[in-house]
Structures are given as C-alpha cells and as structure tokens.
Amino acid sequence: MNPLMIDFPESFETERLLIRAPKPGDGAKMYEAVSTSIEELKPWLPFAHFEQSPELTEANIREAHVNFLTRKDLRLLVFHKETGELVASSGLHRIDWDVPKVEIGYWIRTDYSGKGYMTEAVQGITDFAFRELNARRVEIRCDAKNVKSRAIAERLNFELEAVLKQEAKAIDSDELRDTCVYAKIR
C-alpha cells in the first residue's frame, strides 16, 4: 500500500498532553525548548552539537511537517494541555510500512524531566502506532549508557531484545558505544 493513502489523525491526547504533528510556526517554541535543554541533549543527540537559531529551527520544523504529510517520518511535538508549553519532541521514525514497524525516538525539555511526562507521551505514541498505523512492531533504540531513556522503555514493559555491542560512536567522542534495542510486538 502507498503510505500516502494511509489516513490517521495528526493529533491525539493523553491525560496531561496534546501530541501532534509539527506545523509551520512551531519553530519558536522548539528553539526555546532546545535552548533551555541543550546541555542535557548533547550527550545523546547529534543535532544538539550544531548551530541553533530560530530560523534554522523553523526550517527544520517545516521539513518535519512535509515528511509527516508524505509519511516518510512522523515527528510529533508534545505539548502540556493546560499551559500549551512544548514539553518534548518525539515521533515515529525508521518506518517500514511493509511490516509495518516503527521506532520511537524522544527527548524532553529539562524542566519537565522526572515528572512522568515522557513516559506518558511514549505510552500514548505506542498506543497510537498500534491503533492508528496498525504497527506490528514498535522499537525504542538507545545508547546503553542513557539510563533515563532505558528506564522509560523498561517502565512501559518494552522487551530488551538485544544489546548491540560497539554498534555506534558516542555523539561527543570516538568511544564506541552499545545500543539497546527494546520492542513491543502486537
């Protein structure tokens, strides 16, 4: 099936969160969230090592919007329902529509960390993938040293299927790192 023909909602809610596709104009909120969290993001995410600006962030959001519409990548922005503040960025990546399977990636704004928001968002996104995309497999891959990301996968009962030894270079050094592969199957 052509992924462009798959209809699904561009937004959904959990108890405290509105999770939706990125839209033109979201760049300012994304820039603010990244800027306030940059030091916590640097060990894990390549983009945190590149120049950040409101214009570049807006361009990135617009690319993500197009990729969502074409079903190439489904970035999702996570907003607090009461305040409208951008809490986190997540999404469904490395999509294989033939299986179908997806990988959830995520990061949270530092001042929202440790309050259960990312766990709530990942649970909502997992449910969305199974319900709306008819996914058969949902993965979370993370650096073995990223204990916070691993804790979310384990808290949500994703099964640790493998630890890929020396599978990737660390973001900020030449050190080889292990990658944990967690999955839920339907």
C-alpha atoms as a PDB file:
ATOM      1  CA  MET A   1       0.000   0.000   0.000  1.00  0.00           C
ATOM      2  CA  ASN A   2       1.144   3.524  -0.744  1.00  0.00           C
ATOM      3  CA  PRO A   3       1.771   5.227   2.647  1.00  0.00           C
ATOM      4  CA  LEU A   4       0.320   8.463   1.255  1.00  0.00           C
ATOM      5  CA  MET A   5      -3.058   6.739   1.206  1.00  0.00           C
ATOM      6  CA  ILE A   6      -2.999   5.875   4.900  1.00  0.00           C
ATOM      7  CA  ASP A   7      -5.280   8.197   6.834  1.00  0.00           C
ATOM      8  CA  PHE A   8      -4.697   8.798  10.519  1.00  0.00           C
ATOM      9  CA  PRO A   9      -5.141  11.747  12.868  1.00  0.00           C
ATOM     10  CA  GLU A  10      -2.430  14.389  13.116  1.00  0.00           C
ATOM     11  CA  SER A  11      -3.014  14.796  16.848  1.00  0.00           C
ATOM     12  CA  PHE A  12      -4.186  12.934  19.916  1.00  0.00           C
ATOM     13  CA  GLU A  13      -4.272  13.470  23.667  1.00  0.00           C
ATOM     14  CA  THR A  14      -3.180  11.693  26.804  1.00  0.00           C
ATOM     15  CA  GLU A  15      -4.169  12.658  30.338  1.00  0.00           C
ATOM     16  CA  ARG A  16      -1.913  15.749  30.503  1.00  0.00           C
ATOM     17  CA  LEU A  17      -0.572  16.092  26.976  1.00  0.00           C
ATOM     18  CA  LEU A  18      -1.511  17.108  23.454  1.00  0.00           C
ATOM     19  CA  ILE A  19       0.652  15.234  20.955  1.00  0.00           C
ATOM     20  CA  ARG A  20       0.578  16.409  17.364  1.00  0.00           C
ATOM     21  CA  ALA A  21       2.382  16.738  14.064  1.00  0.00           C
ATOM     22  CA  PRO A  22       4.677  19.750  13.706  1.00  0.00           C
ATOM     23  CA  LYS A  23       3.232  22.773  11.933  1.00  0.00           C
ATOM     24  CA  PRO A  24       4.796  25.830  10.340  1.00  0.00           C
ATOM     25  CA  GLY A  25       5.185  28.361  13.132  1.00  0.00           C
ATOM     26  CA  ASP A  26       6.254  25.823  15.785  1.00  0.00           C
ATOM     27  CA  GLY A  27       9.921  26.737  15.346  1.00  0.00           C
ATOM     28  CA  ALA A  28       9.989  29.397  18.071  1.00  0.00           C
ATOM     29  CA  LYS A  29       8.660  27.019  20.725  1.00  0.00           C
ATOM     30  CA  MET A  30      11.051  24.295  19.581  1.00  0.00           C
ATOM     31  CA  TYR A  31      14.007  26.687  19.620  1.00  0.00           C
ATOM     32  CA  GLU A  32      13.170  27.760  23.175  1.00  0.00           C
ATOM     33  CA  ALA A  33      12.810  24.148  24.384  1.00  0.00           C
ATOM     34  CA  VAL A  34      16.092  23.062  22.769  1.00  0.00           C
ATOM     35  CA  SER A  35      17.938  26.134  24.033  1.00  0.00           C
ATOM     36  CA  THR A  36      16.896  25.544  27.635  1.00  0.00           C
ATOM     37  CA  SER A  37      17.867  21.858  27.438  1.00  0.00           C
ATOM     38  CA  ILE A  38      20.928  21.867  25.180  1.00  0.00           C
ATOM     39  CA  GLU A  39      23.457  20.634  27.757  1.00  0.00           C
ATOM     40  CA  GLU A  40      21.294  17.626  28.667  1.00  0.00           C
ATOM     41  CA  LEU A  41      20.736  16.802  24.990  1.00  0.00           C
ATOM     42  CA  LYS A  42      24.376  16.963  23.875  1.00  0.00           C
ATOM     43  CA  PRO A  43      25.480  13.515  25.139  1.00  0.00           C
ATOM     44  CA  TRP A  44      22.704  11.745  23.214  1.00  0.00           C
ATOM     45  CA  LEU A  45      21.570  13.738  20.179  1.00  0.00           C
ATOM     46  CA  PRO A  46      23.674  14.851  17.197  1.00  0.00           C
ATOM     47  CA  PHE A  47      21.558  17.924  16.420  1.00  0.00           C
ATOM     48  CA  ALA A  48      22.474  19.426  19.804  1.00  0.00           C
ATOM     49  CA  HIS A  49      26.046  19.879  18.546  1.00  0.00           C
ATOM     50  CA  PHE A  50      25.068  22.096  15.618  1.00  0.00           C
ATOM     51  CA  GLU A  51      24.252  25.769  15.477  1.00  0.00           C
ATOM     52  CA  GLN A  52      20.780  26.548  16.743  1.00  0.00           C
ATOM     53  CA  SER A  53      18.785  29.578  15.661  1.00  0.00           C
ATOM     54  CA  PRO A  54      15.089  30.417  15.405  1.00  0.00           C
ATOM     55  CA  GLU A  55      15.311  30.441  11.590  1.00  0.00           C
ATOM     56  CA  LEU A  56      17.094  27.088  11.321  1.00  0.00           C
ATOM     57  CA  THR A  57      14.694  25.541  13.821  1.00  0.00           C
ATOM     58  CA  GLU A  58      11.669  26.833  11.910  1.00  0.00           C
ATOM     59  CA  ALA A  59      13.086  25.401   8.669  1.00  0.00           C
ATOM     60  CA  ASN A  60      13.597  22.056  10.415  1.00  0.00           C
ATOM     61  CA  ILE A  61      10.003  22.112  11.688  1.00  0.00           C
ATOM     62  CA  ARG A  62       8.725  22.811   8.181  1.00  0.00           C
ATOM     63  CA  GLU A  63      10.758  19.874   6.813  1.00  0.00           C
ATOM     64  CA  ALA A  64       9.283  17.678   9.555  1.00  0.00           C
ATOM     65  CA  HIS A  65       5.792  18.876   8.581  1.00  0.00           C
ATOM     66  CA  VAL A  66       6.393  17.857   4.944  1.00  0.00           C
ATOM     67  CA  ASN A  67       7.841  14.487   6.000  1.00  0.00           C
ATOM     68  CA  PHE A  68       4.751  13.879   8.154  1.00  0.00           C
ATOM     69  CA  LEU A  69       2.448  14.624   5.213  1.00  0.00           C
ATOM     70  CA  THR A  70       4.428  12.327   2.899  1.00  0.00           C
ATOM     71  CA  ARG A  71       4.610   9.640   5.629  1.00  0.00           C
ATOM     72  CA  LYS A  72       8.436   9.445   5.446  1.00  0.00           C
ATOM     73  CA  ASP A  73       8.886  10.291   9.130  1.00  0.00           C
ATOM     74  CA  LEU A  74       6.292  11.116  11.756  1.00  0.00           C
ATOM     75  CA  ARG A  75       7.798  13.628  14.156  1.00  0.00           C
ATOM     76  CA  LEU A  76       5.441  14.507  16.981  1.00  0.00           C
ATOM     77  CA  LEU A  77       5.537  17.501  19.281  1.00  0.00           C
ATOM     78  CA  VAL A  78       4.377  17.064  22.868  1.00  0.00           C
ATOM     79  CA  PHE A  79       2.566  19.996  24.492  1.00  0.00           C
ATOM     80  CA  HIS A  80       1.239  20.457  28.020  1.00  0.00           C
ATOM     81  CA  LYS A  81      -2.553  20.627  27.618  1.00  0.00           C
ATOM     82  CA  GLU A  82      -3.069  23.308  30.283  1.00  0.00           C
ATOM     83  CA  THR A  83      -0.183  25.665  29.503  1.00  0.00           C
ATOM     84  CA  GLY A  84       0.426  24.995  25.805  1.00  0.00           C
ATOM     85  CA  GLU A  85       4.161  24.815  26.517  1.00  0.00           C
ATOM     86  CA  LEU A  86       6.286  22.468  24.397  1.00  0.00           C
ATOM     87  CA  VAL A  87       7.285  19.675  26.783  1.00  0.00           C
ATOM     88  CA  ALA A  88       9.082  17.262  24.460  1.00  0.00           C
ATOM     89  CA  SER A  89       9.766  16.110  20.945  1.00  0.00           C
ATOM     90  CA  SER A  90       9.194  12.561  19.869  1.00  0.00           C
ATOM     91  CA  GLY A  91       7.994  10.694  16.857  1.00  0.00           C
ATOM     92  CA  LEU A  92       7.832   7.532  14.845  1.00  0.00           C
ATOM     93  CA  HIS A  93      10.967   7.065  12.783  1.00  0.00           C
ATOM     94  CA  ARG A  94      12.637   4.476  10.522  1.00  0.00           C
ATOM     95  CA  ILE A  95       9.194   3.434   9.362  1.00  0.00           C
ATOM     96  CA  ASP A  96       8.808   0.234   7.378  1.00  0.00           C
ATOM     97  CA  TRP A  97       5.261   0.379   6.055  1.00  0.00           C
ATOM     98  CA  ASP A  98       5.500  -3.183   4.650  1.00  0.00           C
ATOM     99  CA  VAL A  99       5.718  -4.794   8.110  1.00  0.00           C
ATOM    100  CA  PRO A 100       4.566  -2.204   9.447  1.00  0.00           C
ATOM    101  CA  LYS A 101       7.083  -1.251  12.135  1.00  0.00           C
ATOM    102  CA  VAL A 102       8.334   1.990  13.664  1.00  0.00           C
ATOM    103  CA  GLU A 103      10.941   3.261  16.081  1.00  0.00           C
ATOM    104  CA  ILE A 104      10.079   5.807  18.766  1.00  0.00           C
ATOM    105  CA  GLY A 105      12.653   8.488  19.462  1.00  0.00           C
ATOM    106  CA  TYR A 106      12.274  11.120  22.148  1.00  0.00           C
ATOM    107  CA  TRP A 107      13.773  13.891  24.215  1.00  0.00           C
ATOM    108  CA  ILE A 108      12.242  16.043  26.926  1.00  0.00           C
ATOM    109  CA  ARG A 109      12.702  19.642  27.932  1.00  0.00           C
ATOM    110  CA  THR A 110      14.884  19.707  31.032  1.00  0.00           C
ATOM    111  CA  ASP A 111      12.414  21.494  33.308  1.00  0.00           C
ATOM    112  CA  TYR A 112       9.787  18.786  32.624  1.00  0.00           C
ATOM    113  CA  SER A 113      12.138  15.850  33.188  1.00  0.00           C
ATOM    114  CA  GLY A 114      11.426  13.455  36.051  1.00  0.00           C
ATOM    115  CA  LYS A 115       7.687  14.204  36.218  1.00  0.00           C
ATOM    116  CA  GLY A 116       6.368  11.301  34.143  1.00  0.00           C
ATOM    117  CA  TYR A 117       5.620  13.335  31.024  1.00  0.00           C
ATOM    118  CA  MET A 118       7.939  11.410  28.720  1.00  0.00           C
ATOM    119  CA  THR A 119       6.647   8.060  29.942  1.00  0.00           C
ATOM    120  CA  GLU A 120       3.076   9.276  29.370  1.00  0.00           C
ATOM    121  CA  ALA A 121       3.964  10.533  25.890  1.00  0.00           C
ATOM    122  CA  VAL A 122       5.775   7.340  24.845  1.00  0.00           C
ATOM    123  CA  GLN A 123       2.843   5.232  26.058  1.00  0.00           C
ATOM    124  CA  GLY A 124       0.441   7.419  24.070  1.00  0.00           C
ATOM    125  CA  ILE A 125       2.623   7.251  20.957  1.00  0.00           C
ATOM    126  CA  THR A 126       2.972   3.478  21.275  1.00  0.00           C
ATOM    127  CA  ASP A 127      -0.819   3.135  21.532  1.00  0.00           C
ATOM    128  CA  PHE A 128      -1.206   5.470  18.526  1.00  0.00           C
ATOM    129  CA  ALA A 129       1.222   3.358  16.456  1.00  0.00           C
ATOM    130  CA  PHE A 130      -0.650   0.129  17.202  1.00  0.00           C
ATOM    131  CA  ARG A 131      -4.146   1.617  16.893  1.00  0.00           C
ATOM    132  CA  GLU A 132      -3.830   4.088  14.013  1.00  0.00           C
ATOM    133  CA  LEU A 133      -0.903   2.760  11.989  1.00  0.00           C
ATOM    134  CA  ASN A 134      -1.648  -0.918  12.601  1.00  0.00           C
ATOM    135  CA  ALA A 135       2.001  -1.363  13.599  1.00  0.00           C
ATOM    136  CA  ARG A 136       3.099  -4.895  14.354  1.00  0.00           C
ATOM    137  CA  ARG A 137       6.368  -3.822  15.979  1.00  0.00           C
ATOM    138  CA  VAL A 138       7.351  -0.705  17.931  1.00  0.00           C
ATOM    139  CA  GLU A 139      11.010  -0.254  18.866  1.00  0.00           C
ATOM    140  CA  ILE A 140      12.978   2.007  21.155  1.00  0.00           C
ATOM    141  CA  ARG A 141      16.725   2.122  20.498  1.00  0.00           C
ATOM    142  CA  CYS A 142      19.052   3.995  22.797  1.00  0.00           C
ATOM    143  CA  ASP A 143      22.630   4.224  23.965  1.00  0.00           C
ATOM    144  CA  ALA A 144      23.188   1.658  26.725  1.00  0.00           C
ATOM    145  CA  LYS A 145      24.525   4.465  28.935  1.00  0.00           C
ATOM    146  CA  ASN A 146      21.353   6.540  28.547  1.00  0.00           C
ATOM    147  CA  VAL A 147      19.732   5.306  31.734  1.00  0.00           C
ATOM    148  CA  LYS A 148      16.774   7.713  31.522  1.00  0.00           C
ATOM    149  CA  SER A 149      15.756   6.511  28.054  1.00  0.00           C
ATOM    150  CA  ARG A 150      16.238   2.906  29.081  1.00  0.00           C
ATOM    151  CA  ALA A 151      14.077   3.450  32.177  1.00  0.00           C
ATOM    152  CA  ILE A 152      11.169   4.669  30.055  1.00  0.00           C
ATOM    153  CA  ALA A 153      11.313   1.592  27.820  1.00  0.00           C
ATOM    154  CA  GLU A 154      11.513  -0.710  30.840  1.00  0.00           C
ATOM    155  CA  ARG A 155       8.760   1.129  32.751  1.00  0.00           C
ATOM    156  CA  LEU A 156       6.465   0.626  29.741  1.00  0.00           C
ATOM    157  CA  ASN A 157       7.295  -3.086  29.521  1.00  0.00           C
ATOM    158  CA  PHE A 158       9.205  -2.957  26.261  1.00  0.00           C
ATOM    159  CA  GLU A 159      11.270  -6.130  25.988  1.00  0.00           C
ATOM    160  CA  LEU A 160      15.036  -5.742  25.775  1.00  0.00           C
ATOM    161  CA  GLU A 161      15.682  -7.885  22.700  1.00  0.00           C
ATOM    162  CA  ALA A 162      19.356  -7.131  22.162  1.00  0.00           C
ATOM    163  CA  VAL A 163      22.345  -5.106  23.161  1.00  0.00           C
ATOM    164  CA  LEU A 164      24.323  -4.379  20.018  1.00  0.00           C
ATOM    165  CA  LYS A 165      27.948  -4.229  21.138  1.00  0.00           C
ATOM    166  CA  GLN A 166      30.114  -1.350  19.917  1.00  0.00           C
ATOM    167  CA  GLU A 167      27.390  -0.504  17.444  1.00  0.00           C
ATOM    168  CA  ALA A 168      27.853   3.269  17.284  1.00  0.00           C
ATOM    169  CA  LYS A 169      30.233   6.039  18.158  1.00  0.00           C
ATOM    170  CA  ALA A 170      29.406   8.262  21.085  1.00  0.00           C
ATOM    171  CA  ILE A 171      27.945  11.566  19.993  1.00  0.00           C
ATOM    172  CA  ASP A 172      30.680  13.583  21.678  1.00  0.00           C
ATOM    173  CA  SER A 173      33.766  11.344  21.341  1.00  0.00           C
ATOM    174  CA  ASP A 174      35.332   8.480  19.373  1.00  0.00           C
ATOM    175  CA  GLU A 175      34.315   5.987  22.047  1.00  0.00           C
ATOM    176  CA  LEU A 176      32.355   3.022  20.689  1.00  0.00           C
ATOM    177  CA  ARG A 177      29.049   2.517  22.464  1.00  0.00           C
ATOM    178  CA  ASP A 178      26.489  -0.240  22.829  1.00  0.00           C
ATOM    179  CA  THR A 179      22.918   0.218  21.616  1.00  0.00           C
ATOM    180  CA  CYS A 180      19.932  -1.283  23.430  1.00  0.00           C
ATOM    181  CA  VAL A 181      17.058  -2.494  21.263  1.00  0.00           C
ATOM    182  CA  TYR A 182      13.714  -2.648  23.054  1.00  0.00           C
ATOM    183  CA  ALA A 183      10.479  -3.729  21.352  1.00  0.00           C
ATOM    184  CA  LYS A 184       6.775  -4.304  21.789  1.00  0.00           C
ATOM    185  CA  ILE A 185       5.067  -6.675  19.385  1.00  0.00           C
ATOM    186  CA  ARG A 186       1.395  -6.877  18.514  1.00  0.00           C
END
